[in-house]
Amino acid sequence: MHEVWREKLKGYEKEIRVKYFTEGIEALKYLNTVEKKEKVFLITDYELRKQEIRGVNVIDKSGMKDRHLLVTNMYLSEIKEFNNKSAHLKMFPKCYLGDIILKIN
């Protein structure tokens, strides 16, 4: 997935700084040191393989409830059910990531 995002963010190197993490705990440690969270946008996978935490935990524990994209391989029906039940988390299917058009202001 990092390669997909690298390709999508190519050309924005002057406007934004991108950090990639493979460990949820490391991402959480970093996010908890950031002072201006309003300048951060978190993209995380729902399922973090072979890890004790999930992307949902990283979002909740870091305070990124309003500035995140949670991606998953779940079936669309599961995603819709999750999104309907969740007050602040919204999931997006990985299969559509190629169709996302980014606009960075």
PDB file of N, CA and C in Angstrom:
ATOM      1  N   MET A   1       0.802  -1.198   0.000  1.00  0.00           N
ATOM      2  CA  MET A   1       0.000   0.000   0.000  1.00  0.00           C
ATOM      3  C   MET A   1       0.848   1.267   0.000  1.00  0.00           C
ATOM      4  N   HIS A   2       2.028   1.170   0.596  1.00  0.00           N
ATOM      5  CA  HIS A   2       2.894   2.353   0.602  1.00  0.00           C
ATOM      6  C   HIS A   2       3.201   2.807  -0.821  1.00  0.00           C
ATOM      7  N   GLU A   3       3.384   1.870  -1.720  1.00  0.00           N
ATOM      8  CA  GLU A   3       3.688   2.233  -3.110  1.00  0.00           C
ATOM      9  C   GLU A   3       2.526   2.965  -3.771  1.00  0.00           C
ATOM     10  N   VAL A   4       1.305   2.553  -3.468  1.00  0.00           N
ATOM     11  CA  VAL A   4       0.129   3.235  -4.019  1.00  0.00           C
ATOM     12  C   VAL A   4       0.123   4.688  -3.558  1.00  0.00           C
ATOM     13  N   TRP A   5       0.355   4.896  -2.263  1.00  0.00           N
ATOM     14  CA  TRP A   5       0.354   6.262  -1.736  1.00  0.00           C
ATOM     15  C   TRP A   5       1.536   7.065  -2.250  1.00  0.00           C
ATOM     16  N   ARG A   6       2.703   6.434  -2.383  1.00  0.00           N
ATOM     17  CA  ARG A   6       3.861   7.157  -2.950  1.00  0.00           C
ATOM     18  C   ARG A   6       3.535   7.690  -4.336  1.00  0.00           C
ATOM     19  N   GLU A   7       2.879   6.852  -5.128  1.00  0.00           N
ATOM     20  CA  GLU A   7       2.514   7.256  -6.488  1.00  0.00           C
ATOM     21  C   GLU A   7       1.470   8.372  -6.452  1.00  0.00           C
ATOM     22  N   LYS A   8       0.475   8.243  -5.598  1.00  0.00           N
ATOM     23  CA  LYS A   8      -0.589   9.251  -5.496  1.00  0.00           C
ATOM     24  C   LYS A   8      -0.045  10.605  -5.016  1.00  0.00           C
ATOM     25  N   LEU A   9       0.944  10.570  -4.132  1.00  0.00           N
ATOM     26  CA  LEU A   9       1.468  11.801  -3.544  1.00  0.00           C
ATOM     27  C   LEU A   9       2.643  12.393  -4.310  1.00  0.00           C
ATOM     28  N   LYS A  10       3.054  11.693  -5.361  1.00  0.00           N
ATOM     29  CA  LYS A  10       4.162  12.208  -6.177  1.00  0.00           C
ATOM     30  C   LYS A  10       3.793  13.582  -6.730  1.00  0.00           C
ATOM     31  N   GLY A  11       4.699  14.496  -6.630  1.00  0.00           N
ATOM     32  CA  GLY A  11       4.453  15.845  -7.116  1.00  0.00           C
ATOM     33  C   GLY A  11       4.049  16.826  -6.020  1.00  0.00           C
ATOM     34  N   TYR A  12       3.762  16.314  -4.836  1.00  0.00           N
ATOM     35  CA  TYR A  12       3.375  17.175  -3.721  1.00  0.00           C
ATOM     36  C   TYR A  12       4.490  17.326  -2.698  1.00  0.00           C
ATOM     37  N   GLU A  13       5.690  16.906  -3.033  1.00  0.00           N
ATOM     38  CA  GLU A  13       6.809  16.899  -2.084  1.00  0.00           C
ATOM     39  C   GLU A  13       7.100  18.276  -1.493  1.00  0.00           C
ATOM     40  N   LYS A  14       6.828  19.342  -2.237  1.00  0.00           N
ATOM     41  CA  LYS A  14       7.095  20.698  -1.745  1.00  0.00           C
ATOM     42  C   LYS A  14       6.006  21.176  -0.782  1.00  0.00           C
ATOM     43  N   GLU A  15       4.791  20.657  -0.939  1.00  0.00           N
ATOM     44  CA  GLU A  15       3.670  21.098  -0.114  1.00  0.00           C
ATOM     45  C   GLU A  15       3.504  20.304   1.171  1.00  0.00           C
ATOM     46  N   ILE A  16       3.871  19.034   1.156  1.00  0.00           N
ATOM     47  CA  ILE A  16       3.619  18.184   2.325  1.00  0.00           C
ATOM     48  C   ILE A  16       4.836  17.329   2.654  1.00  0.00           C
ATOM     49  N   ARG A  17       4.853  16.886   3.887  1.00  0.00           N
ATOM     50  CA  ARG A  17       5.874  15.929   4.319  1.00  0.00           C
ATOM     51  C   ARG A  17       5.143  14.620   4.623  1.00  0.00           C
ATOM     52  N   VAL A  18       5.616  13.541   4.044  1.00  0.00           N
ATOM     53  CA  VAL A  18       4.970  12.243   4.204  1.00  0.00           C
ATOM     54  C   VAL A  18       5.855  11.343   5.054  1.00  0.00           C
ATOM     55  N   LYS A  19       5.238  10.665   5.999  1.00  0.00           N
ATOM     56  CA  LYS A  19       5.943   9.688   6.828  1.00  0.00           C
ATOM     57  C   LYS A  19       5.226   8.358   6.675  1.00  0.00           C
ATOM     58  N   TYR A  20       5.997   7.294   6.480  1.00  0.00           N
ATOM     59  CA  TYR A  20       5.446   5.951   6.354  1.00  0.00           C
ATOM     60  C   TYR A  20       5.884   5.118   7.544  1.00  0.00           C
ATOM     61  N   PHE A  21       4.960   4.331   8.056  1.00  0.00           N
ATOM     62  CA  PHE A  21       5.252   3.425   9.165  1.00  0.00           C
ATOM     63  C   PHE A  21       4.732   2.035   8.817  1.00  0.00           C
ATOM     64  N   THR A  22       5.463   1.030   9.232  1.00  0.00           N
ATOM     65  CA  THR A  22       4.983  -0.344   9.070  1.00  0.00           C
ATOM     66  C   THR A  22       4.472  -0.901  10.390  1.00  0.00           C
ATOM     67  N   GLU A  23       4.771  -0.216  11.478  1.00  0.00           N
ATOM     68  CA  GLU A  23       4.335  -0.642  12.807  1.00  0.00           C
ATOM     69  C   GLU A  23       3.373   0.399  13.383  1.00  0.00           C
ATOM     70  N   GLY A  24       2.198  -0.047  13.784  1.00  0.00           N
ATOM     71  CA  GLY A  24       1.205   0.846  14.354  1.00  0.00           C
ATOM     72  C   GLY A  24       1.699   1.558  15.604  1.00  0.00           C
ATOM     73  N   ILE A  25       2.444   0.852  16.435  1.00  0.00           N
ATOM     74  CA  ILE A  25       2.982   1.437  17.673  1.00  0.00           C
ATOM     75  C   ILE A  25       3.927   2.589  17.353  1.00  0.00           C
ATOM     76  N   GLU A  26       4.755   2.430  16.323  1.00  0.00           N
ATOM     77  CA  GLU A  26       5.682   3.504  15.930  1.00  0.00           C
ATOM     78  C   GLU A  26       4.918   4.718  15.400  1.00  0.00           C
ATOM     79  N   ALA A  27       3.877   4.470  14.620  1.00  0.00           N
ATOM     80  CA  ALA A  27       3.051   5.580  14.123  1.00  0.00           C
ATOM     81  C   ALA A  27       2.398   6.308  15.287  1.00  0.00           C
ATOM     82  N   LEU A  28       1.892   5.546  16.241  1.00  0.00           N
ATOM     83  CA  LEU A  28       1.252   6.134  17.410  1.00  0.00           C
ATOM     84  C   LEU A  28       2.240   6.961  18.232  1.00  0.00           C
ATOM     85  N   LYS A  29       3.444   6.444  18.427  1.00  0.00           N
ATOM     86  CA  LYS A  29       4.474   7.198  19.150  1.00  0.00           C
ATOM     87  C   LYS A  29       4.750   8.525  18.451  1.00  0.00           C
ATOM     88  N   TYR A  30       4.891   8.474  17.127  1.00  0.00           N
ATOM     89  CA  TYR A  30       5.151   9.699  16.375  1.00  0.00           C
ATOM     90  C   TYR A  30       3.979  10.677  16.513  1.00  0.00           C
ATOM     91  N   LEU A  31       2.768  10.199  16.283  1.00  0.00           N
ATOM     92  CA  LEU A  31       1.595  11.071  16.331  1.00  0.00           C
ATOM     93  C   LEU A  31       1.410  11.717  17.699  1.00  0.00           C
ATOM     94  N   ASN A  32       1.779  11.015  18.734  1.00  0.00           N
ATOM     95  CA  ASN A  32       1.642  11.572  20.079  1.00  0.00           C
ATOM     96  C   ASN A  32       2.676  12.653  20.383  1.00  0.00           C
ATOM     97  N   THR A  33       3.674  12.822  19.518  1.00  0.00           N
ATOM     98  CA  THR A  33       4.656  13.900  19.687  1.00  0.00           C
ATOM     99  C   THR A  33       4.312  15.128  18.853  1.00  0.00           C
ATOM    100  N   VAL A  34       3.382  14.993  17.934  1.00  0.00           N
ATOM    101  CA  VAL A  34       3.021  16.091  17.032  1.00  0.00           C
ATOM    102  C   VAL A  34       2.195  17.130  17.789  1.00  0.00           C
ATOM    103  N   GLU A  35       2.626  18.388  17.720  1.00  0.00           N
ATOM    104  CA  GLU A  35       1.916  19.462  18.417  1.00  0.00           C
ATOM    105  C   GLU A  35       0.711  19.968  17.633  1.00  0.00           C
ATOM    106  N   LYS A  36       0.849  20.129  16.335  1.00  0.00           N
ATOM    107  CA  LYS A  36      -0.231  20.689  15.515  1.00  0.00           C
ATOM    108  C   LYS A  36      -0.904  19.577  14.720  1.00  0.00           C
ATOM    109  N   LYS A  37      -1.761  18.821  15.390  1.00  0.00           N
ATOM    110  CA  LYS A  37      -2.430  17.694  14.736  1.00  0.00           C
ATOM    111  C   LYS A  37      -3.379  18.133  13.628  1.00  0.00           C
ATOM    112  N   GLU A  38      -3.790  19.387  13.643  1.00  0.00           N
ATOM    113  CA  GLU A  38      -4.665  19.884  12.584  1.00  0.00           C
ATOM    114  C   GLU A  38      -3.938  19.950  11.250  1.00  0.00           C
ATOM    115  N   LYS A  39      -2.621  19.803  11.265  1.00  0.00           N
ATOM    116  CA  LYS A  39      -1.825  19.809  10.037  1.00  0.00           C
ATOM    117  C   LYS A  39      -1.451  18.401   9.596  1.00  0.00           C
ATOM    118  N   VAL A  40      -1.991  17.404  10.296  1.00  0.00           N
ATOM    119  CA  VAL A  40      -1.667  16.001  10.006  1.00  0.00           C
ATOM    120  C   VAL A  40      -2.914  15.303   9.479  1.00  0.00           C
ATOM    121  N   PHE A  41      -2.720  14.455   8.485  1.00  0.00           N
ATOM    122  CA  PHE A  41      -3.793  13.592   7.994  1.00  0.00           C
ATOM    123  C   PHE A  41      -3.256  12.168   8.033  1.00  0.00           C
ATOM    124  N   LEU A  42      -3.953  11.296   8.734  1.00  0.00           N
ATOM    125  CA  LEU A  42      -3.515   9.920   8.937  1.00  0.00           C
ATOM    126  C   LEU A  42      -4.229   8.981   7.982  1.00  0.00           C
ATOM    127  N   ILE A  43      -3.457   8.174   7.271  1.00  0.00           N
ATOM    128  CA  ILE A  43      -4.009   7.110   6.448  1.00  0.00           C
ATOM    129  C   ILE A  43      -3.499   5.807   7.047  1.00  0.00           C
ATOM    130  N   THR A  44      -4.412   4.940   7.440  1.00  0.00           N
ATOM    131  CA  THR A  44      -4.011   3.690   8.075  1.00  0.00           C
ATOM    132  C   THR A  44      -4.878   2.539   7.608  1.00  0.00           C
ATOM    133  N   ASP A  45      -4.298   1.378   7.656  1.00  0.00           N
ATOM    134  CA  ASP A  45      -5.023   0.162   7.348  1.00  0.00           C
ATOM    135  C   ASP A  45      -5.809  -0.256   8.583  1.00  0.00           C
ATOM    136  N   TYR A  46      -6.971  -0.820   8.386  1.00  0.00           N
ATOM    137  CA  TYR A  46      -7.754  -1.317   9.513  1.00  0.00           C
ATOM    138  C   TYR A  46      -7.023  -2.468  10.197  1.00  0.00           C
ATOM    139  N   GLU A  47      -6.575  -3.403   9.411  1.00  0.00           N
ATOM    140  CA  GLU A  47      -5.899  -4.596   9.927  1.00  0.00           C
ATOM    141  C   GLU A  47      -4.394  -4.394   9.818  1.00  0.00           C
ATOM    142  N   LEU A  48      -3.710  -4.381  10.931  1.00  0.00           N
ATOM    143  CA  LEU A  48      -2.252  -4.285  10.945  1.00  0.00           C
ATOM    144  C   LEU A  48      -1.730  -5.684  11.254  1.00  0.00           C
ATOM    145  N   ARG A  49      -1.285  -6.375  10.240  1.00  0.00           N
ATOM    146  CA  ARG A  49      -0.896  -7.778  10.368  1.00  0.00           C
ATOM    147  C   ARG A  49       0.166  -8.015  11.429  1.00  0.00           C
ATOM    148  N   LYS A  50      -0.067  -9.076  12.189  1.00  0.00           N
ATOM    149  CA  LYS A  50       0.880  -9.543  13.208  1.00  0.00           C
ATOM    150  C   LYS A  50       1.230  -8.455  14.219  1.00  0.00           C
ATOM    151  N   GLN A  51       0.253  -7.589  14.519  1.00  0.00           N
ATOM    152  CA  GLN A  51       0.473  -6.530  15.492  1.00  0.00           C
ATOM    153  C   GLN A  51      -0.644  -6.576  16.533  1.00  0.00           C
ATOM    154  N   GLU A  52      -0.357  -6.077  17.697  1.00  0.00           N
ATOM    155  CA  GLU A  52      -1.321  -6.101  18.786  1.00  0.00           C
ATOM    156  C   GLU A  52      -2.405  -5.041  18.642  1.00  0.00           C
ATOM    157  N   ILE A  53      -2.152  -4.032  17.831  1.00  0.00           N
ATOM    158  CA  ILE A  53      -3.147  -2.972  17.649  1.00  0.00           C
ATOM    159  C   ILE A  53      -3.621  -2.951  16.204  1.00  0.00           C
ATOM    160  N   ARG A  54      -4.732  -2.276  15.986  1.00  0.00           N
ATOM    161  CA  ARG A  54      -5.293  -2.078  14.651  1.00  0.00           C
ATOM    162  C   ARG A  54      -5.242  -0.600  14.322  1.00  0.00           C
ATOM    163  N   GLY A  55      -5.522  -0.301  13.073  1.00  0.00           N
ATOM    164  CA  GLY A  55      -5.547   1.097  12.645  1.00  0.00           C
ATOM    165  C   GLY A  55      -6.538   1.922  13.445  1.00  0.00           C
ATOM    166  N   VAL A  56      -7.661   1.310  13.833  1.00  0.00           N
ATOM    167  CA  VAL A  56      -8.670   1.986  14.646  1.00  0.00           C
ATOM    168  C   VAL A  56      -8.049   2.448  15.957  1.00  0.00           C
ATOM    169  N   ASN A  57      -7.216   1.596  16.554  1.00  0.00           N
ATOM    170  CA  ASN A  57      -6.559   1.956  17.814  1.00  0.00           C
ATOM    171  C   ASN A  57      -5.613   3.133  17.629  1.00  0.00           C
ATOM    172  N   VAL A  58      -4.893   3.147  16.514  1.00  0.00           N
ATOM    173  CA  VAL A  58      -3.969   4.254  16.239  1.00  0.00           C
ATOM    174  C   VAL A  58      -4.763   5.558  16.124  1.00  0.00           C
ATOM    175  N   ILE A  59      -5.892   5.516  15.431  1.00  0.00           N
ATOM    176  CA  ILE A  59      -6.732   6.711  15.277  1.00  0.00           C
ATOM    177  C   ILE A  59      -7.226   7.189  16.639  1.00  0.00           C
ATOM    178  N   ASP A  60      -7.803   6.287  17.401  1.00  0.00           N
ATOM    179  CA  ASP A  60      -8.377   6.658  18.705  1.00  0.00           C
ATOM    180  C   ASP A  60      -7.331   7.156  19.680  1.00  0.00           C
ATOM    181  N   LYS A  61      -6.230   6.440  19.810  1.00  0.00           N
ATOM    182  CA  LYS A  61      -5.220   6.783  20.812  1.00  0.00           C
ATOM    183  C   LYS A  61      -4.395   8.013  20.441  1.00  0.00           C
ATOM    184  N   SER A  62      -4.378   8.368  19.166  1.00  0.00           N
ATOM    185  CA  SER A  62      -3.601   9.530  18.736  1.00  0.00           C
ATOM    186  C   SER A  62      -4.444  10.804  18.652  1.00  0.00           C
ATOM    187  N   GLY A  63      -5.749  10.665  18.763  1.00  0.00           N
ATOM    188  CA  GLY A  63      -6.619  11.834  18.662  1.00  0.00           C
ATOM    189  C   GLY A  63      -6.872  12.282  17.237  1.00  0.00           C
ATOM    190  N   MET A  64      -6.707  11.390  16.280  1.00  0.00           N
ATOM    191  CA  MET A  64      -6.886  11.736  14.860  1.00  0.00           C
ATOM    192  C   MET A  64      -8.303  11.401  14.370  1.00  0.00           C
ATOM    193  N   LYS A  65      -9.288  11.577  15.224  1.00  0.00           N
ATOM    194  CA  LYS A  65     -10.653  11.168  14.912  1.00  0.00           C
ATOM    195  C   LYS A  65     -11.278  11.934  13.751  1.00  0.00           C
ATOM    196  N   ASP A  66     -10.834  13.162  13.522  1.00  0.00           N
ATOM    197  CA  ASP A  66     -11.414  13.970  12.452  1.00  0.00           C
ATOM    198  C   ASP A  66     -10.553  14.035  11.199  1.00  0.00           C
ATOM    199  N   ARG A  67      -9.329  13.521  11.270  1.00  0.00           N
ATOM    200  CA  ARG A  67      -8.386  13.690  10.158  1.00  0.00           C
ATOM    201  C   ARG A  67      -7.733  12.360   9.825  1.00  0.00           C
ATOM    202  N   HIS A  68      -8.547  11.447   9.273  1.00  0.00           N
ATOM    203  CA  HIS A  68      -8.004  10.129   8.955  1.00  0.00           C
ATOM    204  C   HIS A  68      -8.745   9.491   7.782  1.00  0.00           C
ATOM    205  N   LEU A  69      -8.092   8.503   7.222  1.00  0.00           N
ATOM    206  CA  LEU A  69      -8.699   7.616   6.242  1.00  0.00           C
ATOM    207  C   LEU A  69      -8.319   6.215   6.681  1.00  0.00           C
ATOM    208  N   LEU A  70      -9.313   5.402   6.942  1.00  0.00           N
ATOM    209  CA  LEU A  70      -9.132   4.032   7.394  1.00  0.00           C
ATOM    210  C   LEU A  70      -9.459   3.122   6.224  1.00  0.00           C
ATOM    211  N   VAL A  71      -8.470   2.405   5.702  1.00  0.00           N
ATOM    212  CA  VAL A  71      -8.682   1.554   4.530  1.00  0.00           C
ATOM    213  C   VAL A  71      -8.715   0.088   4.938  1.00  0.00           C
ATOM    214  N   THR A  72      -9.415  -0.706   4.137  1.00  0.00           N
ATOM    215  CA  THR A  72      -9.594  -2.105   4.480  1.00  0.00           C
ATOM    216  C   THR A  72      -9.849  -2.959   3.248  1.00  0.00           C
ATOM    217  N   ASN A  73      -9.657  -4.252   3.428  1.00  0.00           N
ATOM    218  CA  ASN A  73      -9.996  -5.243   2.403  1.00  0.00           C
ATOM    219  C   ASN A  73     -11.346  -5.885   2.667  1.00  0.00           C
ATOM    220  N   MET A  74     -12.068  -5.402   3.663  1.00  0.00           N
ATOM    221  CA  MET A  74     -13.373  -5.987   3.995  1.00  0.00           C
ATOM    222  C   MET A  74     -14.320  -5.868   2.805  1.00  0.00           C
ATOM    223  N   TYR A  75     -15.354  -6.691   2.834  1.00  0.00           N
ATOM    224  CA  TYR A  75     -16.401  -6.603   1.818  1.00  0.00           C
ATOM    225  C   TYR A  75     -17.191  -5.315   1.999  1.00  0.00           C
ATOM    226  N   LEU A  76     -17.743  -4.806   0.908  1.00  0.00           N
ATOM    227  CA  LEU A  76     -18.483  -3.543   0.948  1.00  0.00           C
ATOM    228  C   LEU A  76     -19.608  -3.569   1.976  1.00  0.00           C
ATOM    229  N   SER A  77     -20.301  -4.699   2.101  1.00  0.00           N
ATOM    230  CA  SER A  77     -21.398  -4.781   3.066  1.00  0.00           C
ATOM    231  C   SER A  77     -20.880  -4.618   4.490  1.00  0.00           C
ATOM    232  N   GLU A  78     -19.708  -5.178   4.787  1.00  0.00           N
ATOM    233  CA  GLU A  78     -19.107  -5.025   6.115  1.00  0.00           C
ATOM    234  C   GLU A  78     -18.690  -3.581   6.365  1.00  0.00           C
ATOM    235  N   ILE A  79     -18.158  -2.938   5.334  1.00  0.00           N
ATOM    236  CA  ILE A  79     -17.738  -1.540   5.454  1.00  0.00           C
ATOM    237  C   ILE A  79     -18.951  -0.654   5.726  1.00  0.00           C
ATOM    238  N   LYS A  80     -20.032  -0.864   4.975  1.00  0.00           N
ATOM    239  CA  LYS A  80     -21.245  -0.061   5.182  1.00  0.00           C
ATOM    240  C   LYS A  80     -21.779  -0.245   6.591  1.00  0.00           C
ATOM    241  N   GLU A  81     -21.794  -1.477   7.072  1.00  0.00           N
ATOM    242  CA  GLU A  81     -22.273  -1.758   8.428  1.00  0.00           C
ATOM    243  C   GLU A  81     -21.387  -1.053   9.461  1.00  0.00           C
ATOM    244  N   PHE A  82     -20.073  -1.145   9.279  1.00  0.00           N
ATOM    245  CA  PHE A  82     -19.127  -0.479  10.177  1.00  0.00           C
ATOM    246  C   PHE A  82     -19.360   1.027  10.176  1.00  0.00           C
ATOM    247  N   ASN A  83     -19.453   1.621   8.986  1.00  0.00           N
ATOM    248  CA  ASN A  83     -19.628   3.068   8.875  1.00  0.00           C
ATOM    249  C   ASN A  83     -20.951   3.526   9.498  1.00  0.00           C
ATOM    250  N   ASN A  84     -21.996   2.717   9.367  1.00  0.00           N
ATOM    251  CA  ASN A  84     -23.286   3.068   9.961  1.00  0.00           C
ATOM    252  C   ASN A  84     -23.236   3.037  11.486  1.00  0.00           C
ATOM    253  N   LYS A  85     -22.446   2.141  12.059  1.00  0.00           N
ATOM    254  CA  LYS A  85     -22.351   1.995  13.511  1.00  0.00           C
ATOM    255  C   LYS A  85     -21.366   2.978  14.138  1.00  0.00           C
ATOM    256  N   SER A  86     -20.411   3.431  13.364  1.00  0.00           N
ATOM    257  CA  SER A  86     -19.333   4.259  13.912  1.00  0.00           C
ATOM    258  C   SER A  86     -19.702   5.729  13.907  1.00  0.00           C
ATOM    259  N   ALA A  87     -19.439   6.375  15.039  1.00  0.00           N
ATOM    260  CA  ALA A  87     -19.742   7.804  15.145  1.00  0.00           C
ATOM    261  C   ALA A  87     -18.688   8.667  14.467  1.00  0.00           C
ATOM    262  N   HIS A  88     -17.424   8.268  14.550  1.00  0.00           N
ATOM    263  CA  HIS A  88     -16.355   9.137  14.036  1.00  0.00           C
ATOM    264  C   HIS A  88     -15.407   8.462  13.057  1.00  0.00           C
ATOM    265  N   LEU A  89     -15.465   7.156  12.949  1.00  0.00           N
ATOM    266  CA  LEU A  89     -14.570   6.447  12.034  1.00  0.00           C
ATOM    267  C   LEU A  89     -15.287   6.136  10.729  1.00  0.00           C
ATOM    268  N   LYS A  90     -14.584   6.303   9.648  1.00  0.00           N
ATOM    269  CA  LYS A  90     -15.144   5.945   8.346  1.00  0.00           C
ATOM    270  C   LYS A  90     -14.119   5.112   7.594  1.00  0.00           C
ATOM    271  N   MET A  91     -14.581   3.982   7.108  1.00  0.00           N
ATOM    272  CA  MET A  91     -13.716   3.053   6.392  1.00  0.00           C
ATOM    273  C   MET A  91     -13.891   3.216   4.895  1.00  0.00           C
ATOM    274  N   PHE A  92     -12.825   2.921   4.165  1.00  0.00           N
ATOM    275  CA  PHE A  92     -12.822   3.022   2.716  1.00  0.00           C
ATOM    276  C   PHE A  92     -12.210   1.738   2.150  1.00  0.00           C
ATOM    277  N   PRO A  93     -12.809   1.164   1.115  1.00  0.00           N
ATOM    278  CA  PRO A  93     -12.282  -0.091   0.561  1.00  0.00           C
ATOM    279  C   PRO A  93     -10.985   0.109  -0.232  1.00  0.00           C
ATOM    280  N   LYS A  94     -10.002  -0.748   0.019  1.00  0.00           N
ATOM    281  CA  LYS A  94      -8.722  -0.674  -0.693  1.00  0.00           C
ATOM    282  C   LYS A  94      -8.885  -0.823  -2.198  1.00  0.00           C
ATOM    283  N   CYS A  95      -9.874  -1.594  -2.607  1.00  0.00           N
ATOM    284  CA  CYS A  95     -10.036  -1.849  -4.045  1.00  0.00           C
ATOM    285  C   CYS A  95     -10.323  -0.576  -4.836  1.00  0.00           C
ATOM    286  N   TYR A  96     -10.725   0.506  -4.170  1.00  0.00           N
ATOM    287  CA  TYR A  96     -11.020   1.763  -4.853  1.00  0.00           C
ATOM    288  C   TYR A  96      -9.925   2.809  -4.704  1.00  0.00           C
ATOM    289  N   LEU A  97      -8.830   2.468  -4.051  1.00  0.00           N
ATOM    290  CA  LEU A  97      -7.769   3.456  -3.824  1.00  0.00           C
ATOM    291  C   LEU A  97      -7.204   4.015  -5.127  1.00  0.00           C
ATOM    292  N   GLY A  98      -7.135   3.184  -6.141  1.00  0.00           N
ATOM    293  CA  GLY A  98      -6.622   3.645  -7.430  1.00  0.00           C
ATOM    294  C   GLY A  98      -7.472   4.736  -8.043  1.00  0.00           C
ATOM    295  N   ASP A  99      -8.749   4.803  -7.641  1.00  0.00           N
ATOM    296  CA  ASP A  99      -9.678   5.792  -8.195  1.00  0.00           C
ATOM    297  C   ASP A  99      -9.682   7.118  -7.436  1.00  0.00           C
ATOM    298  N   ILE A 100      -9.030   7.157  -6.284  1.00  0.00           N
ATOM    299  CA  ILE A 100      -9.036   8.383  -5.490  1.00  0.00           C
ATOM    300  C   ILE A 100      -8.214   9.463  -6.195  1.00  0.00           C
ATOM    301  N   ILE A 101      -8.780  10.646  -6.275  1.00  0.00           N
ATOM    302  CA  ILE A 101      -8.064  11.803  -6.812  1.00  0.00           C
ATOM    303  C   ILE A 101      -7.767  12.713  -5.634  1.00  0.00           C
ATOM    304  N   LEU A 102      -6.500  12.967  -5.406  1.00  0.00           N
ATOM    305  CA  LEU A 102      -6.092  13.804  -4.277  1.00  0.00           C
ATOM    306  C   LEU A 102      -6.003  15.255  -4.694  1.00  0.00           C
ATOM    307  N   LYS A 103      -6.460  16.104  -3.804  1.00  0.00           N
ATOM    308  CA  LYS A 103      -6.307  17.541  -4.003  1.00  0.00           C
ATOM    309  C   LYS A 103      -5.772  18.071  -2.688  1.00  0.00           C
ATOM    310  N   ILE A 104      -4.577  18.582  -2.708  1.00  0.00           N
ATOM    311  CA  ILE A 104      -3.938  19.078  -1.497  1.00  0.00           C
ATOM    312  C   ILE A 104      -3.875  20.585  -1.575  1.00  0.00           C
ATOM    313  N   ASN A 105      -4.473  21.236  -0.581  1.00  0.00           N
ATOM    314  CA  ASN A 105      -4.510  22.708  -0.547  1.00  0.00           C
ATOM    315  C   ASN A 105      -3.436  23.238   0.344  1.00  0.00           C
TER     316      ASN A 105
END
